[in-house]
Amino acid sequence: MTNLNAAEFEDRGVDGFRVRRARLAQQAGAKKIGVSLWEIPPGEAAYPYHWHVVDEEVIIVLGEGLSLRGTGGDWRSLPAGEVVAFPVGEEGGHQLWNRGESTARFLSISSGPSEGDDIVFYPDSGKIGVYAQNLYELYRRDAAVDYWDGEIPPR
């Protein structure tokens, strides 16, 4: 069990992407769904712009200051209480940034656990993330190889 008002946070990120995240669903014992509470300091983004192949997400904005970059690349302010869904695929691309003057908070609900199987595209940096079981790896898309590259037929 856990409590929204006494959540166990982990600090994540690098400059420009500093956040605190509490994996509430996992702390409560869930295995097949993700619910996280995020806190973003002023001027920081929660994560790079990305979209998922497997995991559908919904966020619930808990305070002021958040801005959303959606599929078209435009930013818009999110008022407290707004609920936004990010479907799988490019049309679900998103990034959240705190343009406010105090810590911004939101809940994130996902169709899979926070460490579940997924493939994630990061268009700005040309990366693809592969997350499966205990595998967590990112690759540059411009290093892609042919299906048969390096394969040796049986003899």
C-alpha atoms as a PDB file:
ATOM      1  CA  MET A   1       0.000   0.000   0.000  1.00  0.00           C
ATOM      2  CA  THR A   2       0.938   3.621  -0.402  1.00  0.00           C
ATOM      3  CA  ASN A   3      -0.596   7.031   0.086  1.00  0.00           C
ATOM      4  CA  LEU A   4      -0.708   9.874  -2.437  1.00  0.00           C
ATOM      5  CA  ASN A   5       0.186  12.316   0.346  1.00  0.00           C
ATOM      6  CA  ALA A   6       3.139  10.258   1.613  1.00  0.00           C
ATOM      7  CA  ALA A   7       4.503   8.778  -1.608  1.00  0.00           C
ATOM      8  CA  GLU A   8       8.070   7.494  -1.943  1.00  0.00           C
ATOM      9  CA  PHE A   9       9.740   9.597  -4.636  1.00  0.00           C
ATOM     10  CA  GLU A  10      12.849   8.951  -6.696  1.00  0.00           C
ATOM     11  CA  ASP A  11      14.848  11.781  -8.243  1.00  0.00           C
ATOM     12  CA  ARG A  12      15.421  11.370 -11.982  1.00  0.00           C
ATOM     13  CA  GLY A  13      16.937  13.133 -14.935  1.00  0.00           C
ATOM     14  CA  VAL A  14      19.660  15.536 -15.982  1.00  0.00           C
ATOM     15  CA  ASP A  15      19.713  19.340 -16.247  1.00  0.00           C
ATOM     16  CA  GLY A  16      16.602  20.462 -18.091  1.00  0.00           C
ATOM     17  CA  PHE A  17      14.819  17.212 -17.244  1.00  0.00           C
ATOM     18  CA  ARG A  18      14.970  17.068 -13.423  1.00  0.00           C
ATOM     19  CA  VAL A  19      11.896  15.480 -11.851  1.00  0.00           C
ATOM     20  CA  ARG A  20      10.673  13.510  -8.874  1.00  0.00           C
ATOM     21  CA  ARG A  21       8.535  10.451  -9.557  1.00  0.00           C
ATOM     22  CA  ALA A  22       6.609   8.175  -7.223  1.00  0.00           C
ATOM     23  CA  ARG A  23       5.485   4.886  -8.777  1.00  0.00           C
ATOM     24  CA  LEU A  24       2.254   4.642  -6.818  1.00  0.00           C
ATOM     25  CA  ALA A  25       0.751   1.579  -8.511  1.00  0.00           C
ATOM     26  CA  GLN A  26       3.906  -0.492  -7.985  1.00  0.00           C
ATOM     27  CA  GLN A  27       4.242   0.760  -4.396  1.00  0.00           C
ATOM     28  CA  ALA A  28       0.665  -0.435  -3.844  1.00  0.00           C
ATOM     29  CA  GLY A  29       1.444  -3.851  -5.379  1.00  0.00           C
ATOM     30  CA  ALA A  30       0.061  -3.504  -8.937  1.00  0.00           C
ATOM     31  CA  LYS A  31       1.739  -5.570 -11.655  1.00  0.00           C
ATOM     32  CA  LYS A  32      -0.145  -4.731 -14.886  1.00  0.00           C
ATOM     33  CA  ILE A  33      -0.923  -1.026 -14.689  1.00  0.00           C
ATOM     34  CA  GLY A  34       1.145   2.063 -13.967  1.00  0.00           C
ATOM     35  CA  VAL A  35       0.184   5.077 -11.871  1.00  0.00           C
ATOM     36  CA  SER A  36       2.852   7.643 -11.047  1.00  0.00           C
ATOM     37  CA  LEU A  37       2.862  10.978  -9.280  1.00  0.00           C
ATOM     38  CA  TRP A  38       5.285  13.418 -10.913  1.00  0.00           C
ATOM     39  CA  GLU A  39       6.738  16.650  -9.522  1.00  0.00           C
ATOM     40  CA  ILE A  40       8.547  18.972 -11.951  1.00  0.00           C
ATOM     41  CA  PRO A  41      10.525  21.980 -10.707  1.00  0.00           C
ATOM     42  CA  PRO A  42      10.121  25.302 -12.561  1.00  0.00           C
ATOM     43  CA  GLY A  43      11.896  25.392 -15.920  1.00  0.00           C
ATOM     44  CA  GLU A  44      12.319  21.609 -16.152  1.00  0.00           C
ATOM     45  CA  ALA A  45      10.679  19.078 -18.496  1.00  0.00           C
ATOM     46  CA  ALA A  46       9.431  15.718 -17.271  1.00  0.00           C
ATOM     47  CA  TYR A  47      11.006  13.841 -20.173  1.00  0.00           C
ATOM     48  CA  PRO A  48      11.992  14.228 -23.849  1.00  0.00           C
ATOM     49  CA  TYR A  49       9.312  14.358 -26.532  1.00  0.00           C
ATOM     50  CA  HIS A  50       8.333  10.736 -27.273  1.00  0.00           C
ATOM     51  CA  TRP A  51       5.614   8.299 -28.300  1.00  0.00           C
ATOM     52  CA  HIS A  52       4.907   4.668 -27.404  1.00  0.00           C
ATOM     53  CA  VAL A  53       4.203   1.578 -29.499  1.00  0.00           C
ATOM     54  CA  VAL A  54       2.554  -0.432 -26.687  1.00  0.00           C
ATOM     55  CA  ASP A  55       1.800   1.749 -23.681  1.00  0.00           C
ATOM     56  CA  GLU A  56      -1.185   4.103 -23.702  1.00  0.00           C
ATOM     57  CA  GLU A  57      -1.058   6.947 -21.170  1.00  0.00           C
ATOM     58  CA  VAL A  58      -3.400   9.407 -19.492  1.00  0.00           C
ATOM     59  CA  ILE A  59      -2.338  12.331 -17.335  1.00  0.00           C
ATOM     60  CA  ILE A  60      -4.306  14.310 -14.773  1.00  0.00           C
ATOM     61  CA  VAL A  61      -2.938  17.799 -14.121  1.00  0.00           C
ATOM     62  CA  LEU A  62      -2.873  18.533 -10.378  1.00  0.00           C
ATOM     63  CA  GLY A  63      -1.652  22.140 -10.422  1.00  0.00           C
ATOM     64  CA  GLU A  64      -0.728  25.127 -12.542  1.00  0.00           C
ATOM     65  CA  GLY A  65       2.368  25.683 -14.686  1.00  0.00           C
ATOM     66  CA  LEU A  66       2.398  22.653 -16.994  1.00  0.00           C
ATOM     67  CA  SER A  67       2.630  23.004 -20.756  1.00  0.00           C
ATOM     68  CA  LEU A  68       2.117  20.185 -23.241  1.00  0.00           C
ATOM     69  CA  ARG A  69       3.923  19.715 -26.517  1.00  0.00           C
ATOM     70  CA  GLY A  70       1.725  17.489 -28.633  1.00  0.00           C
ATOM     71  CA  THR A  71       2.026  15.798 -31.997  1.00  0.00           C
ATOM     72  CA  GLY A  72       2.004  19.019 -34.029  1.00  0.00           C
ATOM     73  CA  GLY A  73       4.938  20.414 -32.062  1.00  0.00           C
ATOM     74  CA  ASP A  74       2.948  23.298 -30.592  1.00  0.00           C
ATOM     75  CA  TRP A  75       2.947  24.015 -26.862  1.00  0.00           C
ATOM     76  CA  ARG A  76      -0.220  24.718 -24.894  1.00  0.00           C
ATOM     77  CA  SER A  77      -0.842  25.419 -21.224  1.00  0.00           C
ATOM     78  CA  LEU A  78      -2.652  22.760 -19.218  1.00  0.00           C
ATOM     79  CA  PRO A  79      -5.015  24.024 -16.517  1.00  0.00           C
ATOM     80  CA  ALA A  80      -5.303  22.204 -13.198  1.00  0.00           C
ATOM     81  CA  GLY A  81      -7.789  19.352 -13.471  1.00  0.00           C
ATOM     82  CA  GLU A  82      -7.305  18.718 -17.192  1.00  0.00           C
ATOM     83  CA  VAL A  83      -7.201  15.071 -18.259  1.00  0.00           C
ATOM     84  CA  VAL A  84      -5.215  14.299 -21.421  1.00  0.00           C
ATOM     85  CA  ALA A  85      -4.901  10.923 -23.175  1.00  0.00           C
ATOM     86  CA  PHE A  86      -1.899   9.860 -25.245  1.00  0.00           C
ATOM     87  CA  PRO A  87      -2.805   6.934 -27.514  1.00  0.00           C
ATOM     88  CA  VAL A  88      -0.151   4.588 -28.865  1.00  0.00           C
ATOM     89  CA  GLY A  89       1.575   5.654 -32.070  1.00  0.00           C
ATOM     90  CA  GLU A  90       2.837   8.972 -33.374  1.00  0.00           C
ATOM     91  CA  GLU A  91      -0.491  10.678 -32.692  1.00  0.00           C
ATOM     92  CA  GLY A  92       0.185  10.131 -28.974  1.00  0.00           C
ATOM     93  CA  GLY A  93       3.514  11.988 -28.974  1.00  0.00           C
ATOM     94  CA  HIS A  94       3.982  14.191 -25.927  1.00  0.00           C
ATOM     95  CA  GLN A  95       6.284  16.151 -23.647  1.00  0.00           C
ATOM     96  CA  LEU A  96       5.474  18.057 -20.442  1.00  0.00           C
ATOM     97  CA  TRP A  97       7.353  21.160 -19.319  1.00  0.00           C
ATOM     98  CA  ASN A  98       6.898  23.307 -16.231  1.00  0.00           C
ATOM     99  CA  ARG A  99       6.749  26.916 -17.406  1.00  0.00           C
ATOM    100  CA  GLY A 100       5.407  28.064 -14.042  1.00  0.00           C
ATOM    101  CA  GLU A 101       7.115  29.530 -11.006  1.00  0.00           C
ATOM    102  CA  SER A 102       6.470  26.681  -8.574  1.00  0.00           C
ATOM    103  CA  THR A 103       6.661  22.884  -8.672  1.00  0.00           C
ATOM    104  CA  ALA A 104       4.090  21.391 -11.061  1.00  0.00           C
ATOM    105  CA  ARG A 105       2.411  18.060 -10.298  1.00  0.00           C
ATOM    106  CA  PHE A 106       0.541  15.514 -12.377  1.00  0.00           C
ATOM    107  CA  LEU A 107      -0.630  11.930 -12.182  1.00  0.00           C
ATOM    108  CA  SER A 108       0.285   9.590 -15.014  1.00  0.00           C
ATOM    109  CA  ILE A 109      -1.748   6.441 -15.641  1.00  0.00           C
ATOM    110  CA  SER A 110      -0.460   3.888 -18.129  1.00  0.00           C
ATOM    111  CA  SER A 111      -1.762   0.662 -19.594  1.00  0.00           C
ATOM    112  CA  GLY A 112       1.403  -1.098 -18.476  1.00  0.00           C
ATOM    113  CA  PRO A 113       3.622  -0.905 -15.424  1.00  0.00           C
ATOM    114  CA  SER A 114       6.287   1.778 -15.411  1.00  0.00           C
ATOM    115  CA  GLU A 115       8.949  -0.816 -16.258  1.00  0.00           C
ATOM    116  CA  GLY A 116       6.812  -2.808 -18.701  1.00  0.00           C
ATOM    117  CA  ASP A 117       7.463  -4.016 -22.229  1.00  0.00           C
ATOM    118  CA  ASP A 118       7.355  -1.226 -24.800  1.00  0.00           C
ATOM    119  CA  ILE A 119       9.100   0.394 -27.732  1.00  0.00           C
ATOM    120  CA  VAL A 120       9.448   4.166 -27.471  1.00  0.00           C
ATOM    121  CA  PHE A 121      10.431   6.608 -30.231  1.00  0.00           C
ATOM    122  CA  TYR A 122      12.267   9.864 -29.417  1.00  0.00           C
ATOM    123  CA  PRO A 123      11.982  11.937 -32.630  1.00  0.00           C
ATOM    124  CA  ASP A 124      14.040  14.942 -31.453  1.00  0.00           C
ATOM    125  CA  SER A 125      17.145  12.874 -30.777  1.00  0.00           C
ATOM    126  CA  GLY A 126      16.564  10.128 -33.368  1.00  0.00           C
ATOM    127  CA  LYS A 127      16.537   7.383 -30.729  1.00  0.00           C
ATOM    128  CA  ILE A 128      14.415   4.328 -30.154  1.00  0.00           C
ATOM    129  CA  GLY A 129      14.067   2.687 -26.753  1.00  0.00           C
ATOM    130  CA  VAL A 130      13.524  -1.040 -26.338  1.00  0.00           C
ATOM    131  CA  TYR A 131      12.076  -2.054 -22.986  1.00  0.00           C
ATOM    132  CA  ALA A 132      11.349  -5.753 -22.482  1.00  0.00           C
ATOM    133  CA  GLN A 133      11.518  -7.791 -19.291  1.00  0.00           C
ATOM    134  CA  ASN A 134      14.950  -6.886 -17.889  1.00  0.00           C
ATOM    135  CA  LEU A 135      16.146  -5.154 -21.079  1.00  0.00           C
ATOM    136  CA  TYR A 136      16.299  -1.350 -21.100  1.00  0.00           C
ATOM    137  CA  GLU A 137      18.292  -0.098 -24.080  1.00  0.00           C
ATOM    138  CA  LEU A 138      18.272   2.923 -26.363  1.00  0.00           C
ATOM    139  CA  TYR A 139      19.651   3.049 -29.902  1.00  0.00           C
ATOM    140  CA  ARG A 140      20.206   5.689 -32.537  1.00  0.00           C
ATOM    141  CA  ARG A 141      17.872   5.043 -35.431  1.00  0.00           C
ATOM    142  CA  ASP A 142      20.490   6.102 -37.990  1.00  0.00           C
ATOM    143  CA  ALA A 143      22.523   3.020 -37.003  1.00  0.00           C
ATOM    144  CA  ALA A 144      19.806   0.614 -38.195  1.00  0.00           C
ATOM    145  CA  VAL A 145      21.002  -2.422 -40.138  1.00  0.00           C
ATOM    146  CA  ASP A 146      19.442  -4.740 -42.694  1.00  0.00           C
ATOM    147  CA  TYR A 147      17.517  -7.769 -41.412  1.00  0.00           C
ATOM    148  CA  TRP A 148      20.217 -10.116 -42.778  1.00  0.00           C
ATOM    149  CA  ASP A 149      23.202  -8.079 -41.520  1.00  0.00           C
ATOM    150  CA  GLY A 150      25.681 -10.328 -39.701  1.00  0.00           C
ATOM    151  CA  GLU A 151      23.625 -13.496 -40.217  1.00  0.00           C
ATOM    152  CA  ILE A 152      25.413 -16.702 -41.211  1.00  0.00           C
ATOM    153  CA  PRO A 153      23.326 -19.520 -42.687  1.00  0.00           C
ATOM    154  CA  PRO A 154      23.675 -22.997 -41.155  1.00  0.00           C
ATOM    155  CA  ARG A 155      26.197 -25.288 -42.835  1.00  0.00           C
END
